[in-house]
Amino acid sequence: MKAIRALADTVGDWDVPTPCADWQLIDLAGHLRCVAENFLEYLQDAPDSRLAKLFAQEAATAVLIRQQARQNATELAVLPAEPGPERIMAFGVSAGAYADLMPDMWDRTHLIYRGTKYTVGDHAGAACVEWHLHAWDMARAVGADYRPRDPDLLVSAWHWGVPHLPLEPGDAWEAVLRSSGRSPRWPDPGAGSGRRRGGRRGVRRPPASSGGSAGRPAR
């Protein structure tokens, strides 16, 4: 969360592309706001949240991805046309409230997926993965790089927070990036700088959301 806010302070152009296909940085900021608000809602409503009901269906992974991708797109479409810093500020408020509330609810059931109970503490892994992935997205969008201080911790966070998606082998951080549908080498050398300004278009495909958003980004 701190990394995202620090990176946001360096942004000079919110219309640059990101590793999330068809999304500019302003869209990613909106997605962050929506996901943080959702995580807080899921926590407050546990164990009867919208997310818990979705996972209780025990649907195939592809179905979970499609359902949550539609939710992501719908939520982004109805956001007010606010600047990037305001979206990141709203993200920080909800993410901070989530972090403050979570310890007192750590052992509460968050959801049940295919017969396994996942607690609030388990699902904290989803938030951990989510924030680190999007910090990387933001860093790459502005021409920088990002790597968490303890990538191995994210492997455990993934297994407990993102139980519906398998984790690829290899270097811990690159495995998380690839498993979320990202290319660790974005932008590919043959694709140019990837820093073109894009015109404002309609709602873009949602990027990966490891826990609450159950999706992978298209590349």
Protein backbone atom coordinates (compact mmCIF):
# COMPACT_ATOMS: atom_id res chain seq x y z
CA MET A 1 0.00 0.00 0.00
CA LYS A 2 2.82 2.40 0.88
CA ALA A 3 4.62 1.52 -2.34
CA ILE A 4 1.53 2.31 -4.40
CA ARG A 5 1.10 5.70 -2.79
CA ALA A 6 4.81 6.47 -3.19
CA LEU A 7 4.73 5.50 -6.85
CA ALA A 8 1.61 7.60 -7.42
CA ASP A 9 3.55 10.64 -6.22
CA THR A 10 6.01 10.16 -9.12
CA VAL A 11 3.38 9.96 -11.89
CA GLY A 12 3.49 12.81 -14.37
CA ASP A 13 1.09 11.33 -16.91
CA TRP A 14 -1.87 9.18 -15.89
CA ASP A 15 -2.62 8.25 -19.51
CA VAL A 16 0.43 6.02 -20.04
CA PRO A 17 -0.21 2.31 -20.78
CA THR A 18 0.27 -0.36 -18.14
CA PRO A 19 1.06 -4.10 -18.23
CA CYS A 20 -2.72 -4.65 -17.93
CA ALA A 21 -3.93 -4.90 -21.52
CA ASP A 22 -5.82 -1.85 -22.82
CA TRP A 23 -5.58 -0.09 -19.45
CA GLN A 24 -3.94 3.24 -18.87
CA LEU A 25 -2.62 4.23 -15.47
CA ILE A 26 -5.77 6.20 -14.65
CA ASP A 27 -7.79 2.98 -15.13
CA LEU A 28 -5.46 1.05 -12.87
CA ALA A 29 -5.89 3.73 -10.20
CA GLY A 30 -9.65 3.31 -10.47
CA HIS A 31 -9.34 -0.46 -10.24
CA LEU A 32 -7.23 -0.12 -7.11
CA ARG A 33 -9.89 2.06 -5.53
CA CYS A 34 -12.63 -0.46 -6.39
CA VAL A 35 -10.70 -3.50 -5.18
CA ALA A 36 -9.76 -1.88 -1.87
CA GLU A 37 -13.39 -0.93 -1.29
CA ASN A 38 -14.44 -4.49 -2.15
CA PHE A 39 -11.89 -6.06 0.19
CA LEU A 40 -13.17 -3.89 3.02
CA GLU A 41 -16.76 -4.83 2.22
CA TYR A 42 -15.91 -8.56 2.05
CA LEU A 43 -14.19 -8.34 5.41
CA GLN A 44 -17.08 -6.52 7.08
CA ASP A 45 -19.60 -9.00 5.63
CA ALA A 46 -17.60 -12.18 6.33
CA PRO A 47 -18.54 -15.00 6.20
CA ASP A 48 -21.59 -14.01 4.13
CA SER A 49 -19.98 -11.63 1.64
CA ARG A 50 -20.55 -11.51 -2.10
CA LEU A 51 -17.14 -13.09 -2.52
CA ALA A 52 -17.94 -15.96 -0.16
CA LYS A 53 -21.16 -16.68 -2.05
CA LEU A 54 -19.28 -16.64 -5.35
CA PHE A 55 -16.68 -19.14 -4.17
CA ALA A 56 -19.32 -21.30 -2.49
CA GLN A 57 -20.61 -22.16 -5.97
CA GLU A 58 -17.45 -24.25 -6.43
CA ALA A 59 -17.45 -23.22 -10.06
CA ALA A 60 -14.57 -23.85 -12.42
CA THR A 61 -11.71 -21.39 -12.27
CA ALA A 62 -12.58 -20.01 -15.71
CA VAL A 63 -16.10 -19.24 -14.51
CA LEU A 64 -14.81 -17.44 -11.41
CA ILE A 65 -12.48 -15.39 -13.59
CA ARG A 66 -15.24 -14.37 -15.99
CA GLN A 67 -17.70 -13.48 -13.25
CA GLN A 68 -15.24 -11.34 -11.36
CA ALA A 69 -13.90 -9.73 -14.53
CA ARG A 70 -17.43 -8.57 -15.34
CA GLN A 71 -17.74 -7.15 -11.82
CA ASN A 72 -14.45 -5.29 -12.22
CA ALA A 73 -15.50 -3.75 -15.52
CA THR A 74 -18.91 -2.74 -14.20
CA GLU A 75 -17.47 -1.08 -11.09
CA LEU A 76 -14.87 0.84 -13.05
CA ALA A 77 -17.49 2.03 -15.53
CA VAL A 78 -19.52 3.77 -12.84
CA LEU A 79 -16.63 5.49 -11.08
CA PRO A 80 -16.70 9.30 -11.25
CA ALA A 81 -14.26 10.89 -13.68
CA GLU A 82 -11.76 11.83 -11.00
CA PRO A 83 -7.99 12.41 -11.36
CA GLY A 84 -5.48 9.70 -10.56
CA PRO A 85 -4.30 11.15 -7.22
CA GLU A 86 -7.89 11.21 -5.92
CA ARG A 87 -8.38 7.58 -6.89
CA ILE A 88 -5.18 6.59 -5.13
CA MET A 89 -6.24 8.59 -2.06
CA ALA A 90 -9.56 6.72 -1.98
CA PHE A 91 -7.65 3.46 -2.36
CA GLY A 92 -5.48 4.35 0.64
CA VAL A 93 -8.50 5.14 2.82
CA SER A 94 -10.21 1.80 2.13
CA ALA A 95 -7.00 -0.25 2.22
CA GLY A 96 -6.06 1.39 5.51
CA ALA A 97 -9.46 0.65 7.03
CA TYR A 98 -9.13 -2.96 5.87
CA ALA A 99 -5.69 -3.26 7.50
CA ASP A 100 -6.97 -1.73 10.77
CA LEU A 101 -9.99 -4.03 11.00
CA MET A 102 -8.35 -7.27 9.88
CA PRO A 103 -6.34 -8.23 13.03
CA ASP A 104 -9.43 -8.38 15.26
CA MET A 105 -11.14 -10.70 12.75
CA TRP A 106 -8.09 -12.78 11.81
CA ASP A 107 -9.55 -16.20 12.64
CA ARG A 108 -13.05 -15.56 11.34
CA THR A 109 -14.15 -17.64 8.36
CA HIS A 110 -13.81 -15.56 5.23
CA LEU A 111 -15.00 -18.09 2.65
CA ILE A 112 -15.19 -21.80 1.94
CA TYR A 113 -13.88 -23.05 -1.38
CA ARG A 114 -14.16 -26.68 -2.45
CA GLY A 115 -14.55 -27.87 1.13
CA THR A 116 -11.64 -25.88 2.59
CA LYS A 117 -12.23 -23.04 5.02
CA TYR A 118 -10.18 -19.89 4.44
CA THR A 119 -10.00 -17.40 7.27
CA VAL A 120 -9.70 -13.64 7.18
CA GLY A 121 -6.00 -14.14 7.85
CA ASP A 122 -5.73 -16.48 4.88
CA HIS A 123 -7.46 -14.00 2.61
CA ALA A 124 -5.05 -11.30 3.74
CA GLY A 125 -2.71 -13.11 1.40
CA ALA A 126 -4.90 -12.01 -1.49
CA ALA A 127 -4.55 -8.36 -0.50
CA CYS A 128 -0.81 -8.80 -0.08
CA VAL A 129 -0.44 -10.25 -3.58
CA GLU A 130 -2.85 -7.70 -5.04
CA TRP A 131 -1.01 -4.63 -3.77
CA HIS A 132 2.42 -5.93 -4.77
CA LEU A 133 1.28 -6.85 -8.28
CA HIS A 134 -0.28 -3.46 -8.85
CA ALA A 135 2.77 -1.69 -7.43
CA TRP A 136 4.76 -3.51 -10.13
CA ASP A 137 2.19 -2.45 -12.75
CA MET A 138 2.50 1.18 -11.70
CA ALA A 139 6.30 1.06 -11.61
CA ARG A 140 6.55 -0.42 -15.09
CA ALA A 141 4.04 2.11 -16.42
CA VAL A 142 6.31 4.98 -15.37
CA GLY A 143 9.48 3.29 -16.61
CA ALA A 144 10.71 2.01 -13.26
CA ASP A 145 10.87 -1.44 -11.66
CA TYR A 146 9.51 -2.92 -8.47
CA ARG A 147 10.30 -6.05 -6.51
CA PRO A 148 8.96 -6.83 -3.02
CA ARG A 149 11.46 -7.17 -0.20
CA ASP A 150 10.35 -10.76 0.60
CA PRO A 151 9.07 -12.46 -2.58
CA ASP A 152 9.05 -15.87 -0.87
CA LEU A 153 6.35 -14.60 1.49
CA LEU A 154 4.14 -13.98 -1.54
CA VAL A 155 4.31 -17.66 -2.46
CA SER A 156 2.59 -18.57 0.81
CA ALA A 157 0.24 -15.59 0.43
CA TRP A 158 -0.74 -16.82 -3.02
CA HIS A 159 -1.47 -20.40 -1.93
CA TRP A 160 -3.79 -19.27 0.88
CA GLY A 161 -5.18 -16.08 -0.60
CA VAL A 162 -5.62 -17.20 -4.20
CA PRO A 163 -6.62 -20.88 -3.87
CA HIS A 164 -8.36 -21.06 -7.25
CA LEU A 165 -5.26 -20.20 -9.31
CA PRO A 166 -2.15 -22.42 -9.50
CA LEU A 167 1.27 -20.87 -8.94
CA GLU A 168 3.96 -21.50 -11.53
CA PRO A 169 7.43 -22.72 -10.46
CA GLY A 170 10.63 -20.73 -10.53
CA ASP A 171 11.83 -17.49 -8.96
CA ALA A 172 9.20 -16.50 -6.39
CA TRP A 173 8.44 -13.02 -7.71
CA GLU A 174 8.52 -13.97 -11.39
CA ALA A 175 6.28 -16.95 -10.60
CA VAL A 176 3.72 -14.61 -9.05
CA LEU A 177 3.93 -12.27 -12.04
CA ARG A 178 3.55 -15.06 -14.60
CA SER A 179 0.79 -16.81 -12.64
CA SER A 180 -1.22 -13.59 -12.61
CA GLY A 181 -0.90 -13.42 -16.40
CA ARG A 182 1.85 -10.79 -16.54
CA SER A 183 5.06 -10.80 -18.54
CA PRO A 184 8.02 -10.06 -16.23
CA ARG A 185 9.75 -8.47 -19.25
CA TRP A 186 6.96 -5.98 -20.05
CA PRO A 187 7.24 -4.06 -22.27
CA ASP A 188 8.87 -6.63 -24.56
CA PRO A 189 11.92 -5.23 -26.38
CA GLY A 190 10.31 -5.82 -29.76
CA ALA A 191 7.21 -3.85 -28.82
CA GLY A 192 8.92 -0.47 -28.53
CA SER A 193 8.78 1.68 -25.45
CA GLY A 194 5.14 1.03 -24.70
CA ARG A 195 4.84 4.60 -23.50
CA ARG A 196 2.52 5.98 -26.17
CA ARG A 197 -0.25 8.26 -25.09
CA GLY A 198 -3.58 6.64 -25.78
CA GLY A 199 -6.88 8.31 -26.42
CA ARG A 200 -9.57 7.85 -23.82
CA ARG A 201 -11.73 4.91 -24.75
CA GLY A 202 -14.46 2.90 -23.13
CA VAL A 203 -14.06 0.52 -20.19
CA ARG A 204 -10.94 -1.61 -20.57
CA ARG A 205 -10.43 -5.21 -19.67
CA PRO A 206 -9.70 -5.58 -15.97
CA PRO A 207 -6.20 -6.44 -14.85
CA ALA A 208 -5.39 -9.29 -12.57
CA SER A 209 -7.00 -9.36 -9.21
CA SER A 210 -5.59 -12.18 -7.27
CA GLY A 211 -8.14 -12.71 -4.55
CA GLY A 212 -11.22 -10.55 -4.57
CA SER A 213 -11.16 -10.13 -8.29
CA ALA A 214 -10.40 -13.68 -9.34
CA GLY A 215 -8.90 -12.80 -12.68
CA ARG A 216 -5.88 -12.70 -14.93
CA PRO A 217 -4.97 -9.81 -17.21
CA ALA A 218 -5.10 -10.33 -20.94
CA ARG A 219 -1.74 -9.65 -22.56
